[in-house]
């Protein structure tokens, strides 16, 4: 496992999402990362340390050389409404994070950080069960260093329309002092910091970062 003192090659899955954009900007500005590999469906702005494969996530190229990284951060996520069905949602929030992790692990990656959800549990509703299944699938891949971040509602501007989330954020911001720390909305940048810290840590094992730990 390469020491974090040496610049890491980082694979970022989900670079165009609210948290992924924060991870990408922070990683490209951090000399501890030698290169960021960010596969996306549409091109990203060029950067000297960014490798941006443009592809269809439905058919990941298993033999691509850019799987050879030190660390993976996954911020992939959608909603059941946007996906169109529970099966399509699970394909993005469970199957893709596991498959990305499997391919990178086979190519030598030793660190993985996943953006999951508050309350992820095998006993939860469909959404929370799917998140728990993603966590379990990634842990089963045997990454020496694995971090799972479980934020509450994400406080961020999104490119896609999520009316319910906008209403929830407005209420959460107005009532923030009255809401227990565990359930307060978490800024996307703070989640990104936790994910980056997760792949930079040296302690082996699985670390679960709960939402209340992300609060200032």
Protein backbone atom coordinates (compact mmCIF):
# COMPACT_ATOMS: atom_id res chain seq x y z
CA UNK A 1 0.00 0.00 0.00
CA UNK A 2 1.62 3.29 -1.09
CA UNK A 3 2.17 5.76 1.77
CA UNK A 4 0.03 8.89 1.59
CA UNK A 5 3.27 10.89 1.76
CA UNK A 6 3.79 9.88 -1.89
CA UNK A 7 1.40 11.54 -4.38
CA UNK A 8 -1.51 9.23 -5.09
CA UNK A 9 -3.30 8.51 -8.33
CA UNK A 10 -6.99 8.95 -7.53
CA UNK A 11 -9.99 7.58 -9.42
CA UNK A 12 -13.09 9.69 -8.86
CA UNK A 13 -16.44 8.20 -9.88
CA UNK A 14 -19.21 10.78 -9.85
CA UNK A 15 -17.19 13.91 -10.61
CA UNK A 16 -20.16 15.87 -12.00
CA UNK A 17 -22.39 15.51 -8.93
CA UNK A 18 -22.70 17.96 -6.04
CA UNK A 19 -20.14 16.19 -3.82
CA UNK A 20 -18.03 14.93 -6.72
CA UNK A 21 -17.42 18.46 -8.00
CA UNK A 22 -16.10 19.44 -4.57
CA UNK A 23 -13.85 16.36 -4.43
CA UNK A 24 -12.50 17.07 -7.90
CA UNK A 25 -11.66 20.71 -7.20
CA UNK A 26 -10.01 19.91 -3.87
CA UNK A 27 -8.01 16.95 -5.21
CA UNK A 28 -6.70 18.90 -8.21
CA UNK A 29 -5.53 21.65 -5.83
CA UNK A 30 -3.86 19.17 -3.44
CA UNK A 31 -0.24 18.15 -4.17
CA UNK A 32 -0.83 14.86 -2.35
CA UNK A 33 -2.62 13.68 -5.50
CA UNK A 34 -0.42 13.08 -8.51
CA UNK A 35 -3.33 12.64 -10.91
CA UNK A 36 -7.12 12.47 -10.80
CA UNK A 37 -8.82 10.03 -13.17
CA UNK A 38 -12.44 11.11 -13.53
CA UNK A 39 -14.53 9.11 -16.00
CA UNK A 40 -17.66 11.01 -17.00
CA UNK A 41 -20.40 10.93 -19.62
CA UNK A 42 -19.50 14.41 -20.86
CA UNK A 43 -16.12 16.14 -21.00
CA UNK A 44 -14.82 18.11 -18.01
CA UNK A 45 -12.73 21.30 -18.23
CA UNK A 46 -9.10 20.40 -18.92
CA UNK A 47 -6.50 20.40 -16.15
CA UNK A 48 -2.83 19.32 -16.25
CA UNK A 49 -3.39 16.63 -13.59
CA UNK A 50 -6.82 15.47 -14.79
CA UNK A 51 -7.39 12.39 -16.95
CA UNK A 52 -11.01 12.45 -18.12
CA UNK A 53 -12.16 9.31 -19.97
CA UNK A 54 -15.55 10.03 -21.56
CA UNK A 55 -17.66 6.89 -21.56
CA UNK A 56 -21.03 5.23 -21.06
CA UNK A 57 -21.16 3.87 -17.53
CA UNK A 58 -23.40 1.03 -18.73
CA UNK A 59 -20.33 -0.60 -20.30
CA UNK A 60 -17.21 0.04 -18.23
CA UNK A 61 -14.00 -0.87 -20.13
CA UNK A 62 -12.45 -3.51 -17.88
CA UNK A 63 -9.10 -3.40 -19.68
CA UNK A 64 -8.60 0.38 -19.61
CA UNK A 65 -5.13 1.32 -18.27
CA UNK A 66 -6.55 4.15 -16.17
CA UNK A 67 -7.93 1.66 -13.63
CA UNK A 68 -4.34 1.48 -12.33
CA UNK A 69 -4.72 3.93 -9.44
CA UNK A 70 -3.87 3.99 -5.75
CA UNK A 71 -7.22 5.16 -4.43
CA UNK A 72 -10.90 5.42 -5.35
CA UNK A 73 -13.53 7.90 -4.24
CA UNK A 74 -17.10 7.17 -5.29
CA UNK A 75 -19.80 9.86 -5.10
CA UNK A 76 -22.19 8.28 -7.61
CA UNK A 77 -25.83 8.70 -6.71
CA UNK A 78 -29.27 9.43 -8.12
CA UNK A 79 -32.90 9.34 -7.01
CA UNK A 80 -35.53 6.72 -7.77
CA UNK A 81 -37.55 9.41 -9.58
CA UNK A 82 -34.62 10.44 -11.77
CA UNK A 83 -33.58 6.85 -12.41
CA UNK A 84 -37.11 5.81 -13.36
CA UNK A 85 -37.34 2.64 -11.28
CA UNK A 86 -35.95 0.94 -8.21
CA UNK A 87 -33.85 -1.36 -10.40
CA UNK A 88 -32.32 1.57 -12.27
CA UNK A 89 -31.64 3.36 -8.98
CA UNK A 90 -29.88 0.30 -7.56
CA UNK A 91 -27.77 0.02 -10.70
CA UNK A 92 -26.34 3.51 -10.06
CA UNK A 93 -26.18 3.61 -6.25
CA UNK A 94 -25.19 -0.01 -5.58
CA UNK A 95 -23.95 -1.88 -8.65
CA UNK A 96 -21.76 0.85 -10.17
CA UNK A 97 -19.85 1.71 -6.96
CA UNK A 98 -19.13 -2.00 -6.45
CA UNK A 99 -18.07 -2.58 -10.07
CA UNK A 100 -15.83 0.49 -10.08
CA UNK A 101 -14.27 -0.77 -6.87
CA UNK A 102 -13.82 -4.27 -8.25
CA UNK A 103 -12.04 -3.11 -11.41
CA UNK A 104 -9.78 -0.67 -9.56
CA UNK A 105 -8.96 -3.24 -6.86
CA UNK A 106 -8.02 -5.79 -9.53
CA UNK A 107 -5.65 -3.19 -11.00
CA UNK A 108 -3.95 -2.56 -7.64
CA UNK A 109 -5.96 0.13 -5.81
CA UNK A 110 -5.70 -0.16 -2.02
CA UNK A 111 -7.92 2.67 -0.73
CA UNK A 112 -11.64 3.29 -1.25
CA UNK A 113 -13.94 6.01 0.11
CA UNK A 114 -17.68 5.86 -0.54
CA UNK A 115 -20.29 8.57 -0.12
CA UNK A 116 -23.23 6.63 1.35
CA UNK A 117 -26.18 7.85 3.42
CA UNK A 118 -27.28 8.46 6.98
CA UNK A 119 -29.21 5.45 8.20
CA UNK A 120 -27.87 2.94 5.67
CA UNK A 121 -29.09 -0.41 7.00
CA UNK A 122 -30.16 -3.84 5.82
CA UNK A 123 -33.32 -3.29 7.88
CA UNK A 124 -34.16 0.09 6.35
CA UNK A 125 -36.43 1.08 3.47
CA UNK A 126 -35.45 0.32 -0.13
CA UNK A 127 -33.20 3.37 -0.39
CA UNK A 128 -31.34 2.63 2.85
CA UNK A 129 -31.11 -1.09 2.09
CA UNK A 130 -29.56 -0.30 -1.29
CA UNK A 131 -26.98 1.97 0.34
CA UNK A 132 -26.17 -0.74 2.89
CA UNK A 133 -25.77 -3.29 0.10
CA UNK A 134 -23.33 -0.98 -1.67
CA UNK A 135 -21.30 -0.61 1.54
CA UNK A 136 -21.24 -4.37 2.09
CA UNK A 137 -20.25 -5.07 -1.51
CA UNK A 138 -17.33 -2.67 -1.33
CA UNK A 139 -16.12 -4.02 2.02
CA UNK A 140 -16.14 -7.51 0.49
CA UNK A 141 -13.62 -6.39 -2.14
CA UNK A 142 -10.88 -6.40 0.49
CA UNK A 143 -9.55 -2.84 0.30
CA UNK A 144 -6.88 -2.45 3.01
CA UNK A 145 -8.18 1.07 3.71
CA UNK A 146 -11.93 1.62 3.32
CA UNK A 147 -13.94 4.65 4.41
CA UNK A 148 -17.73 5.05 4.33
CA UNK A 149 -19.17 8.53 4.81
CA UNK A 150 -22.86 8.67 5.79
CA UNK A 151 -24.12 12.25 5.48
CA UNK A 152 -27.62 13.47 6.18
CA UNK A 153 -29.25 15.78 3.61
CA UNK A 154 -26.54 17.29 1.38
CA UNK A 155 -26.47 21.08 1.37
CA UNK A 156 -25.46 22.00 -2.19
CA UNK A 157 -26.59 23.51 -5.44
CA UNK A 158 -27.42 20.77 -7.93
CA UNK A 159 -27.51 20.91 -11.71
CA UNK A 160 -30.59 18.68 -11.88
CA UNK A 161 -33.95 19.69 -10.42
CA UNK A 162 -34.83 18.07 -7.07
CA UNK A 163 -37.85 20.07 -5.78
CA UNK A 164 -38.34 17.91 -2.68
CA UNK A 165 -34.71 18.29 -1.71
CA UNK A 166 -34.83 22.07 -2.20
CA UNK A 167 -37.81 22.31 0.12
CA UNK A 168 -36.09 20.05 2.66
CA UNK A 169 -32.94 22.17 2.55
CA UNK A 170 -34.88 25.39 3.06
CA UNK A 171 -36.54 23.93 6.15
CA UNK A 172 -33.27 22.44 7.41
CA UNK A 173 -31.46 25.77 7.11
CA UNK A 174 -34.23 27.69 8.85
CA UNK A 175 -34.53 25.22 11.73
CA UNK A 176 -30.85 24.25 11.97
CA UNK A 177 -30.36 25.25 15.65
CA UNK A 178 -33.31 23.05 16.64
CA UNK A 179 -32.28 19.96 14.64
CA UNK A 180 -30.07 17.34 16.33
CA UNK A 181 -26.54 17.38 14.90
CA UNK A 182 -26.98 13.94 13.36
CA UNK A 183 -29.82 15.12 11.12
CA UNK A 184 -28.57 18.56 10.10
CA UNK A 185 -27.82 19.19 6.42
CA UNK A 186 -24.14 18.79 5.58
CA UNK A 187 -22.30 21.07 3.10
CA UNK A 188 -21.03 19.14 0.08
CA UNK A 189 -17.53 20.53 0.62
CA UNK A 190 -17.38 19.01 4.11
CA UNK A 191 -18.37 15.60 2.76
CA UNK A 192 -15.67 15.94 0.11
CA UNK A 193 -13.09 16.69 2.81
CA UNK A 194 -14.06 13.53 4.71
CA UNK A 195 -13.79 11.40 1.57
CA UNK A 196 -10.36 12.79 0.71
CA UNK A 197 -9.18 12.30 4.29
CA UNK A 198 -10.43 8.73 4.04
CA UNK A 199 -8.17 7.80 1.14
CA UNK A 200 -5.21 9.64 2.64
CA UNK A 201 -5.30 7.95 6.05
CA UNK A 202 -2.73 5.29 6.91
CA UNK A 203 -4.70 3.24 9.44
CA UNK A 204 -5.92 0.00 7.81
CA UNK A 205 -9.48 -1.20 8.19
CA UNK A 206 -12.99 0.15 7.66
CA UNK A 207 -13.85 3.59 9.03
CA UNK A 208 -17.50 4.71 9.20
CA UNK A 209 -17.93 8.50 9.33
CA UNK A 210 -21.42 9.35 10.57
CA UNK A 211 -23.25 12.56 9.76
CA UNK A 212 -22.79 14.14 13.18
CA UNK A 213 -19.00 13.83 12.74
CA UNK A 214 -19.25 16.04 9.64
CA UNK A 215 -20.75 18.96 11.52
CA UNK A 216 -18.52 21.91 12.37
